[in-house]
Amino acid sequence: MTDPNEQFERLEEKLLRAIELFKRTQTEKRALEQEVEKLKVETKERAQTLSAMERELIALRREREDVRARVEKLLERIDLLTNSESGSSG
């Protein structure tokens, strides 16, 4: 048979180890929760940046199409001018 004092000491050691493990897991849990919050903030910021970039891309595409249309009109006018000049002088 084991001495009751010895059993109590072993139980006390197990209890102290369990308490330490609990404290460590609580600390790790808090650290992970902070990391999750940080990642949520970063994700939200990146989503906002992406949204702004998408809007800018749409605006730039529109602008490019406007410029293309204006250049095409200018080229047509130049073409008409050069054709009418070569036709009248020839």
Protein backbone atom coordinates (compact mmCIF):
# COMPACT_ATOMS: atom_id res chain seq x y z
CA MET A 1 0.00 0.00 0.00
CA THR A 2 1.04 3.50 -0.72
CA ASP A 3 1.40 6.09 1.96
CA PRO A 4 -1.60 8.54 1.91
CA ASN A 5 0.86 11.43 2.18
CA GLU A 6 2.64 10.22 -0.96
CA GLN A 7 -0.65 9.87 -2.81
CA PHE A 8 -1.62 13.37 -1.76
CA GLU A 9 1.74 14.77 -2.93
CA ARG A 10 1.38 13.06 -6.33
CA LEU A 11 -2.14 14.41 -6.65
CA GLU A 12 -0.89 17.85 -5.73
CA GLU A 13 1.89 17.63 -8.38
CA LYS A 14 -0.63 16.56 -11.01
CA LEU A 15 -2.91 19.41 -10.01
CA LEU A 16 -0.04 21.94 -10.23
CA ARG A 17 0.94 20.60 -13.68
CA ALA A 18 -2.70 20.85 -14.78
CA ILE A 19 -2.86 24.45 -13.53
CA GLU A 20 0.36 25.34 -15.40
CA LEU A 21 -0.96 23.69 -18.55
CA PHE A 22 -4.22 25.61 -18.20
CA LYS A 23 -2.36 28.90 -17.74
CA ARG A 24 -0.17 28.20 -20.78
CA THR A 25 -3.14 27.30 -22.97
CA GLN A 26 -5.00 30.43 -21.82
CA THR A 27 -1.98 32.57 -22.75
CA GLU A 28 -1.72 30.83 -26.14
CA LYS A 29 -5.46 31.28 -26.67
CA ARG A 30 -5.21 35.03 -26.00
CA ALA A 31 -2.25 35.31 -28.38
CA LEU A 32 -4.18 33.43 -31.07
CA GLU A 33 -7.26 35.60 -30.55
CA GLN A 34 -5.11 38.71 -30.97
CA GLU A 35 -3.60 37.24 -34.13
CA VAL A 36 -7.08 36.49 -35.49
CA GLU A 37 -8.19 40.07 -34.82
CA LYS A 38 -5.06 41.41 -36.49
CA LEU A 39 -5.70 39.21 -39.53
CA LYS A 40 -9.33 40.36 -39.68
CA VAL A 41 -8.21 43.99 -39.73
CA GLU A 42 -5.61 43.25 -42.42
CA THR A 43 -8.17 41.37 -44.50
CA LYS A 44 -10.62 44.25 -44.26
CA GLU A 45 -7.91 46.76 -45.24
CA ARG A 46 -6.85 44.62 -48.19
CA ALA A 47 -10.45 44.23 -49.32
CA GLN A 48 -10.86 48.02 -49.22
CA THR A 49 -7.61 48.47 -51.18
CA LEU A 50 -8.71 45.89 -53.72
CA SER A 51 -12.07 47.59 -54.12
CA ALA A 52 -10.37 50.96 -54.66
CA MET A 53 -8.01 49.41 -57.20
CA GLU A 54 -10.92 47.82 -59.06
CA ARG A 55 -12.69 51.19 -59.26
CA GLU A 56 -9.49 52.83 -60.50
CA LEU A 57 -9.03 50.10 -63.11
CA ILE A 58 -12.59 50.62 -64.39
CA ALA A 59 -11.99 54.38 -64.58
CA LEU A 60 -8.68 53.89 -66.41
CA ARG A 61 -10.31 51.54 -68.92
CA ARG A 62 -13.04 54.09 -69.60
CA GLU A 63 -10.43 56.79 -70.00
CA ARG A 64 -8.44 54.59 -72.39
CA GLU A 65 -11.55 53.97 -74.49
CA ASP A 66 -12.29 57.73 -74.58
CA VAL A 67 -8.72 58.47 -75.66
CA ARG A 68 -8.88 55.72 -78.29
CA ALA A 69 -12.12 57.13 -79.70
CA ARG A 70 -10.66 60.67 -79.80
CA VAL A 71 -7.48 59.46 -81.51
CA GLU A 72 -9.53 57.54 -84.08
CA LYS A 73 -11.58 60.67 -84.83
CA LEU A 74 -8.41 62.73 -85.19
CA LEU A 75 -6.91 60.13 -87.53
CA GLU A 76 -10.09 60.16 -89.63
CA ARG A 77 -9.96 63.95 -89.86
CA ILE A 78 -6.26 63.84 -90.79
CA ASP A 79 -7.07 61.18 -93.36
CA LEU A 80 -9.84 63.34 -94.84
CA LEU A 81 -7.58 66.37 -94.91
CA THR A 82 -4.68 64.56 -96.54
CA ASN A 83 -6.98 62.89 -99.07
CA SER A 84 -8.74 66.14 -99.99
CA GLU A 85 -5.40 67.96 -100.29
CA SER A 86 -3.91 65.32 -102.53
CA GLY A 87 -7.11 65.23 -104.61
CA SER A 88 -7.29 69.00 -105.12
CA SER A 89 -3.64 69.49 -105.96
CA GLY A 90 -3.29 66.49 -108.24
